[in-house]
Amino acid sequence: MNTITFQGQEYPTRTFNVIIEGDEREITIATDSLFDALSAEDKIFDCGTTERDIDNDIYFYVEDEVIGLDAAEICQDYLDEPMQFISEEF
């Protein structure tokens, strides 16, 4: 598991290689806690902000307790579109 540090707090992230609609892609997921921190002052919606830059790198946010589950299970049951798990980047 990797982390992103934002305002002195570390938030877990995970990066997966997956197949979506026949195309292999690399996606990064993070926790809802990170999204809440990024959007606290609505800067996540402003171009050129650190918050927006971080958010642009995240494919999907999951509940904090989901981030530690099996990668294939996350891809199958917790993301917003069907995908096939290939591997995880560390």
C-alpha atoms as a PDB file:
ATOM      1  CA  MET A   1       0.000   0.000   0.000  1.00  0.00           C
ATOM      2  CA  ASN A   2       1.225   3.496  -0.817  1.00  0.00           C
ATOM      3  CA  THR A   3       0.283   6.820   0.734  1.00  0.00           C
ATOM      4  CA  ILE A   4      -0.376  10.405  -0.249  1.00  0.00           C
ATOM      5  CA  THR A   5       0.565  13.083   2.253  1.00  0.00           C
ATOM      6  CA  PHE A   6      -1.784  16.055   2.324  1.00  0.00           C
ATOM      7  CA  GLN A   7      -1.609  18.793   4.962  1.00  0.00           C
ATOM      8  CA  GLY A   8       0.663  16.655   7.124  1.00  0.00           C
ATOM      9  CA  GLN A   9      -1.662  13.641   7.155  1.00  0.00           C
ATOM     10  CA  GLU A  10      -0.940  10.379   5.295  1.00  0.00           C
ATOM     11  CA  TYR A  11      -3.756   8.688   3.379  1.00  0.00           C
ATOM     12  CA  PRO A  12      -3.496   5.161   1.959  1.00  0.00           C
ATOM     13  CA  THR A  13      -3.689   4.582  -1.787  1.00  0.00           C
ATOM     14  CA  ARG A  14      -3.402   1.536  -4.002  1.00  0.00           C
ATOM     15  CA  THR A  15      -2.559   1.278  -7.682  1.00  0.00           C
ATOM     16  CA  PHE A  16      -3.920  -1.540  -9.817  1.00  0.00           C
ATOM     17  CA  ASN A  17      -3.434  -2.711 -13.379  1.00  0.00           C
ATOM     18  CA  VAL A  18      -6.870  -3.593 -14.707  1.00  0.00           C
ATOM     19  CA  ILE A  19      -8.767  -4.205 -17.921  1.00  0.00           C
ATOM     20  CA  ILE A  20     -11.684  -1.853 -18.513  1.00  0.00           C
ATOM     21  CA  GLU A  21     -13.749  -2.318 -21.678  1.00  0.00           C
ATOM     22  CA  GLY A  22     -10.934  -4.345 -23.247  1.00  0.00           C
ATOM     23  CA  ASP A  23      -8.184  -1.813 -22.506  1.00  0.00           C
ATOM     24  CA  GLU A  24      -5.437  -2.318 -19.943  1.00  0.00           C
ATOM     25  CA  ARG A  25      -5.168   0.658 -17.599  1.00  0.00           C
ATOM     26  CA  GLU A  26      -3.431   1.652 -14.408  1.00  0.00           C
ATOM     27  CA  ILE A  27      -5.748   3.140 -11.789  1.00  0.00           C
ATOM     28  CA  THR A  28      -5.154   4.528  -8.322  1.00  0.00           C
ATOM     29  CA  ILE A  29      -7.750   4.396  -5.582  1.00  0.00           C
ATOM     30  CA  ALA A  30      -7.780   6.279  -2.294  1.00  0.00           C
ATOM     31  CA  THR A  31      -9.959   6.613   0.770  1.00  0.00           C
ATOM     32  CA  ASP A  32     -13.009   8.769   1.336  1.00  0.00           C
ATOM     33  CA  SER A  33     -11.018  10.449   4.128  1.00  0.00           C
ATOM     34  CA  LEU A  34      -8.621  11.830   1.519  1.00  0.00           C
ATOM     35  CA  PHE A  35     -11.507  13.086  -0.603  1.00  0.00           C
ATOM     36  CA  ASP A  36     -13.031  14.775   2.451  1.00  0.00           C
ATOM     37  CA  ALA A  37      -9.715  16.494   3.224  1.00  0.00           C
ATOM     38  CA  LEU A  38      -9.217  17.589  -0.384  1.00  0.00           C
ATOM     39  CA  SER A  39     -12.724  18.988  -0.703  1.00  0.00           C
ATOM     40  CA  ALA A  40     -12.872  20.661   2.729  1.00  0.00           C
ATOM     41  CA  GLU A  41     -12.427  24.146   1.263  1.00  0.00           C
ATOM     42  CA  ASP A  42     -13.797  23.400  -2.245  1.00  0.00           C
ATOM     43  CA  LYS A  43     -10.302  23.913  -3.734  1.00  0.00           C
ATOM     44  CA  ILE A  44     -10.608  20.472  -5.318  1.00  0.00           C
ATOM     45  CA  PHE A  45     -12.715  22.132  -8.008  1.00  0.00           C
ATOM     46  CA  ASP A  46     -10.229  24.942  -8.797  1.00  0.00           C
ATOM     47  CA  CYS A  47      -7.675  24.418 -11.558  1.00  0.00           C
ATOM     48  CA  GLY A  48      -4.039  24.646 -10.522  1.00  0.00           C
ATOM     49  CA  THR A  49      -4.545  23.765  -6.872  1.00  0.00           C
ATOM     50  CA  THR A  50      -2.743  20.970  -5.050  1.00  0.00           C
ATOM     51  CA  GLU A  51      -6.140  19.522  -4.165  1.00  0.00           C
ATOM     52  CA  ARG A  52      -7.182  19.349  -7.819  1.00  0.00           C
ATOM     53  CA  ASP A  53      -3.824  17.877  -8.883  1.00  0.00           C
ATOM     54  CA  ILE A  54      -4.106  15.092  -6.307  1.00  0.00           C
ATOM     55  CA  ASP A  55      -7.743  14.400  -7.199  1.00  0.00           C
ATOM     56  CA  ASN A  56      -6.869  14.129 -10.896  1.00  0.00           C
ATOM     57  CA  ASP A  57      -4.540  11.221 -10.082  1.00  0.00           C
ATOM     58  CA  ILE A  58      -7.247   9.266  -8.227  1.00  0.00           C
ATOM     59  CA  TYR A  59      -9.559   7.034 -10.242  1.00  0.00           C
ATOM     60  CA  PHE A  60     -11.992   6.284  -7.411  1.00  0.00           C
ATOM     61  CA  TYR A  61     -12.435   6.843  -3.687  1.00  0.00           C
ATOM     62  CA  VAL A  62     -13.557   3.972  -1.453  1.00  0.00           C
ATOM     63  CA  GLU A  63     -14.691   3.781   2.142  1.00  0.00           C
ATOM     64  CA  ASP A  64     -11.714   3.770   4.489  1.00  0.00           C
ATOM     65  CA  GLU A  65     -12.253   0.154   5.581  1.00  0.00           C
ATOM     66  CA  VAL A  66     -12.364  -1.063   1.941  1.00  0.00           C
ATOM     67  CA  ILE A  67      -8.821   0.073   1.048  1.00  0.00           C
ATOM     68  CA  GLY A  68      -7.304  -2.899   2.891  1.00  0.00           C
ATOM     69  CA  LEU A  69      -9.391  -5.593   1.202  1.00  0.00           C
ATOM     70  CA  ASP A  70      -8.147  -7.985  -1.459  1.00  0.00           C
ATOM     71  CA  ALA A  71      -7.365  -6.080  -4.679  1.00  0.00           C
ATOM     72  CA  ALA A  72      -9.472  -8.330  -6.922  1.00  0.00           C
ATOM     73  CA  GLU A  73     -12.410  -7.990  -4.527  1.00  0.00           C
ATOM     74  CA  ILE A  74     -12.135  -4.205  -4.573  1.00  0.00           C
ATOM     75  CA  CYS A  75     -12.098  -4.149  -8.384  1.00  0.00           C
ATOM     76  CA  GLN A  76     -15.039  -6.515  -8.625  1.00  0.00           C
ATOM     77  CA  ASP A  77     -17.286  -5.193  -5.870  1.00  0.00           C
ATOM     78  CA  TYR A  78     -16.401  -1.617  -4.913  1.00  0.00           C
ATOM     79  CA  LEU A  79     -15.545   0.443  -7.996  1.00  0.00           C
ATOM     80  CA  ASP A  80     -17.900   2.329 -10.281  1.00  0.00           C
ATOM     81  CA  GLU A  81     -17.490   0.264 -13.441  1.00  0.00           C
ATOM     82  CA  PRO A  82     -16.832  -3.378 -14.286  1.00  0.00           C
ATOM     83  CA  MET A  83     -13.167  -4.252 -14.593  1.00  0.00           C
ATOM     84  CA  GLN A  84     -10.850  -7.212 -14.475  1.00  0.00           C
ATOM     85  CA  PHE A  85      -8.009  -7.092 -11.963  1.00  0.00           C
ATOM     86  CA  ILE A  86      -4.544  -7.962 -13.377  1.00  0.00           C
ATOM     87  CA  SER A  87      -2.002  -6.928 -10.744  1.00  0.00           C
ATOM     88  CA  GLU A  88      -1.124  -4.396  -8.096  1.00  0.00           C
ATOM     89  CA  GLU A  89       1.720  -1.880  -8.282  1.00  0.00           C
ATOM     90  CA  PHE A  90       3.737  -1.392  -5.111  1.00  0.00           C
END
